[in-house]
Amino acid sequence: MKFVLATQNPKKREEMAAILGDLGVEFVTEEDIGVDVEVEETGETFGQNAALKARAVMEATGMPAIGDDSGLCVDSMNGAPGVYSARYGGPELDDAGRCELVLEMMQGQTDRSAHFETFVVCAFPNGDWFAAKGECHGSIAFAPMGSNGFGYDPIFFRTEEQKTFAQMTAEEKAAISHRGNALRSFKERLKKYLEEHPEMTEGA
């Protein structure tokens, strides 16, 4: 049985494959099967946007689809960038530019607490669907540190590890990250669903 991952981000694909890869089913990307589904992220929450992605790709391919949406929520910025994390500050900014913008917005702030949030949604052609959520709490660093990861990783600092996400190895980050937590929860839900619906994997 094949599931389509509704993402164009290769690093997200790697994270998903690393955690979900031993379920005995095949995970393919839109690119693998020759589709490119543009989804307008009009949801007001991460869960709504993840569902929009999963359902759009499922409808376009006729296959079960997995969509996710994530973002950085900064307490002193009233939860911003939030669902606008990937496009915060406008299309002219890249990841580094968005990090710098958040640091500018945080100047003079004593409360630097923040968290990352991820929702993962799976949509099936028969109308079934389920979701999982993951969070990771930390704070906003005073300057970018590290060169690994992507997005806001260089400015998201974890006191417990004394590192930003961008200073961690992929394995260190996956063990504690919002997406890792969401995918581990999602994996248990998917495993249970497949056990309850053995017809889904017959002949797979």
Protein backbone atom coordinates (compact mmCIF):
# COMPACT_ATOMS: atom_id res chain seq x y z
CA MET A 1 0.00 0.00 0.00
CA LYS A 2 1.27 3.44 -0.93
CA PHE A 3 0.85 6.71 0.94
CA VAL A 4 1.63 10.04 -0.72
CA LEU A 5 3.54 12.59 1.36
CA ALA A 6 2.02 15.99 0.61
CA THR A 7 5.21 18.03 0.82
CA GLN A 8 7.80 19.47 -1.53
CA ASN A 9 10.34 19.96 1.27
CA PRO A 10 13.06 17.27 0.97
CA LYS A 11 14.14 17.67 4.61
CA LYS A 12 10.57 17.10 5.78
CA ARG A 13 10.44 13.98 3.59
CA GLU A 14 13.63 12.69 5.21
CA GLU A 15 12.24 13.24 8.70
CA MET A 16 8.98 11.50 7.84
CA ALA A 17 10.68 8.54 6.17
CA ALA A 18 13.07 8.05 9.10
CA ILE A 19 10.22 7.69 11.60
CA LEU A 20 7.49 6.08 9.49
CA GLY A 21 9.67 3.85 7.33
CA ASP A 22 9.25 0.59 9.27
CA LEU A 23 5.45 0.32 9.10
CA GLY A 24 5.54 -2.10 6.19
CA VAL A 25 3.93 0.30 3.71
CA GLU A 26 5.45 2.44 0.98
CA PHE A 27 5.71 6.21 1.23
CA VAL A 28 6.07 8.16 -2.01
CA THR A 29 6.23 11.85 -2.80
CA GLU A 30 4.16 13.86 -5.24
CA GLU A 31 7.25 14.07 -7.43
CA ASP A 32 7.64 10.26 -7.38
CA ILE A 33 4.22 9.76 -8.95
CA GLY A 34 4.29 12.78 -11.26
CA VAL A 35 1.85 15.16 -9.59
CA ASP A 36 2.30 18.67 -8.26
CA VAL A 37 -0.63 19.82 -6.17
CA GLU A 38 -0.68 23.50 -5.27
CA VAL A 39 -2.60 23.98 -2.05
CA GLU A 40 -3.64 27.41 -0.82
CA GLU A 41 -3.06 27.39 2.93
CA THR A 42 -6.14 29.32 4.00
CA GLY A 43 -6.58 27.60 7.37
CA GLU A 44 -6.43 29.55 10.62
CA THR A 45 -4.67 26.71 12.44
CA PHE A 46 -1.89 24.24 11.69
CA GLY A 47 -4.43 21.42 11.83
CA GLN A 48 -6.66 23.04 9.23
CA ASN A 49 -3.77 23.63 6.85
CA ALA A 50 -2.45 20.07 7.26
CA ALA A 51 -5.94 18.74 6.48
CA LEU A 52 -6.21 20.95 3.39
CA LYS A 53 -2.93 19.54 2.06
CA ALA A 54 -3.75 15.92 2.81
CA ARG A 55 -7.23 16.07 1.30
CA ALA A 56 -6.11 17.93 -1.83
CA VAL A 57 -3.36 15.42 -2.59
CA MET A 58 -5.64 12.48 -1.77
CA GLU A 59 -8.29 13.79 -4.16
CA ALA A 60 -5.70 14.44 -6.89
CA THR A 61 -4.09 11.00 -6.65
CA GLY A 62 -6.83 8.71 -5.34
CA MET A 63 -4.30 7.48 -2.78
CA PRO A 64 -4.05 7.93 0.99
CA ALA A 65 -2.18 11.17 1.62
CA ILE A 66 -0.27 12.58 4.56
CA GLY A 67 -0.07 16.34 5.02
CA ASP A 68 1.58 18.36 7.73
CA ASP A 69 1.83 21.97 8.79
CA SER A 70 4.23 23.46 11.30
CA GLY A 71 5.26 26.80 12.64
CA LEU A 72 6.97 28.85 15.30
CA CYS A 73 4.83 30.52 17.96
CA VAL A 74 6.49 33.26 20.04
CA ASP A 75 4.72 34.18 23.27
CA SER A 76 5.66 37.87 23.33
CA MET A 77 4.58 38.20 19.68
CA ASN A 78 1.07 36.92 20.48
CA GLY A 79 1.82 33.57 18.87
CA ALA A 80 3.31 34.96 15.65
CA PRO A 81 4.60 33.98 13.13
CA GLY A 82 2.25 31.00 13.70
CA VAL A 83 0.54 29.69 10.56
CA TYR A 84 2.38 32.36 8.57
CA SER A 85 5.82 31.03 9.60
CA ALA A 86 6.83 29.90 6.10
CA ARG A 87 5.93 33.26 4.54
CA TYR A 88 6.47 35.66 7.44
CA GLY A 89 7.63 39.07 6.26
CA GLY A 90 6.68 38.46 2.63
CA PRO A 91 7.95 36.38 -0.30
CA GLU A 92 11.17 38.37 -0.67
CA LEU A 93 12.58 36.93 2.59
CA ASP A 94 14.40 33.61 2.79
CA ASP A 95 14.86 31.52 5.95
CA ALA A 96 17.72 33.72 7.17
CA GLY A 97 15.70 36.86 6.52
CA ARG A 98 12.74 35.54 8.47
CA CYS A 99 15.01 34.67 11.40
CA GLU A 100 16.43 38.19 11.36
CA LEU A 101 12.94 39.66 11.27
CA VAL A 102 11.90 37.69 14.36
CA LEU A 103 15.07 38.83 16.16
CA GLU A 104 14.26 42.44 15.27
CA MET A 105 10.72 42.01 16.60
CA MET A 106 12.15 40.57 19.82
CA GLN A 107 14.52 43.42 20.60
CA GLY A 108 14.06 44.56 24.20
CA GLN A 109 11.81 41.61 25.09
CA THR A 110 12.61 39.83 28.34
CA ASP A 111 10.13 37.01 27.72
CA ARG A 112 11.70 35.01 24.90
CA SER A 113 9.67 31.82 25.37
CA ALA A 114 8.45 30.12 22.21
CA HIS A 115 7.37 26.76 20.89
CA PHE A 116 7.19 24.90 17.62
CA GLU A 117 3.96 23.11 16.73
CA THR A 118 3.20 20.46 14.12
CA PHE A 119 -0.01 18.80 12.97
CA VAL A 120 0.07 15.70 10.76
CA VAL A 121 -3.13 14.59 9.00
CA CYS A 122 -3.80 11.44 6.97
CA ALA A 123 -6.75 11.41 4.56
CA PHE A 124 -8.05 8.22 2.93
CA PRO A 125 -10.12 7.93 -0.27
CA ASN A 126 -12.87 6.15 1.71
CA GLY A 127 -13.41 9.29 3.80
CA ASP A 128 -11.49 8.16 6.87
CA TRP A 129 -8.94 10.53 8.37
CA PHE A 130 -7.00 11.09 11.56
CA ALA A 131 -4.51 13.58 12.94
CA ALA A 132 -1.65 13.87 15.43
CA LYS A 133 -0.06 16.87 17.11
CA GLY A 134 3.43 17.55 18.41
CA GLU A 135 5.05 20.46 20.24
CA CYS A 136 8.53 21.43 21.37
CA HIS A 137 9.13 24.28 23.82
CA GLY A 138 12.16 26.52 24.00
CA SER A 139 13.14 30.17 23.60
CA ILE A 140 14.33 32.64 20.99
CA ALA A 141 18.11 33.02 20.94
CA PHE A 142 19.71 36.46 20.72
CA ALA A 143 21.48 35.61 17.45
CA PRO A 144 21.41 32.77 14.90
CA MET A 145 23.58 29.79 15.87
CA GLY A 146 24.31 26.64 13.87
CA SER A 147 24.01 25.62 10.25
CA ASN A 148 21.88 22.47 10.33
CA GLY A 149 18.15 22.15 9.87
CA PHE A 150 16.00 24.78 8.17
CA GLY A 151 13.51 27.56 8.82
CA TYR A 152 13.79 29.09 12.29
CA ASP A 153 16.10 26.36 13.63
CA PRO A 154 19.11 28.74 14.09
CA ILE A 155 17.19 30.95 16.56
CA PHE A 156 15.21 28.30 18.47
CA PHE A 157 17.18 27.54 21.63
CA ARG A 158 16.66 24.59 23.96
CA THR A 159 17.87 25.14 27.53
CA GLU A 160 17.97 21.41 28.24
CA GLU A 161 20.46 20.72 25.45
CA GLN A 162 22.09 24.18 25.50
CA LYS A 163 21.79 24.24 21.71
CA THR A 164 19.64 25.67 18.99
CA PHE A 165 17.92 23.23 16.66
CA ALA A 166 20.47 24.23 14.02
CA GLN A 167 23.34 23.15 16.29
CA MET A 168 21.89 19.67 16.73
CA THR A 169 22.43 16.63 14.56
CA ALA A 170 19.40 15.37 12.66
CA GLU A 171 19.11 12.51 15.17
CA GLU A 172 19.27 14.84 18.20
CA LYS A 173 16.64 17.11 16.75
CA ALA A 174 14.30 14.27 15.71
CA ALA A 175 14.36 12.87 19.26
CA ILE A 176 12.81 16.03 20.75
CA SER A 177 11.37 18.10 17.92
CA HIS A 178 7.74 19.04 17.37
CA ARG A 179 7.67 17.14 14.08
CA GLY A 180 9.36 14.12 15.60
CA ASN A 181 6.83 14.10 18.45
CA ALA A 182 3.92 14.49 16.02
CA LEU A 183 5.19 11.75 13.71
CA ARG A 184 5.74 9.30 16.56
CA SER A 185 2.16 9.87 17.72
CA PHE A 186 0.96 9.67 14.12
CA LYS A 187 2.87 6.42 13.61
CA GLU A 188 0.99 4.76 16.48
CA ARG A 189 -2.34 5.96 15.09
CA LEU A 190 -1.50 4.73 11.59
CA LYS A 191 -0.28 1.39 12.92
CA LYS A 192 -3.55 0.91 14.81
CA TYR A 193 -5.61 1.94 11.78
CA LEU A 194 -3.84 -0.57 9.54
CA GLU A 195 -4.35 -3.33 12.13
CA GLU A 196 -8.07 -2.53 12.21
CA HIS A 197 -8.26 -2.42 8.40
CA PRO A 198 -6.15 -5.37 7.16
CA GLU A 199 -7.76 -5.06 3.73
CA MET A 200 -5.74 -1.90 3.25
CA THR A 201 -2.46 -3.79 3.08
CA GLU A 202 -3.62 -6.94 1.31
CA GLY A 203 -1.42 -7.43 -1.71
CA ALA A 204 0.65 -4.38 -0.78
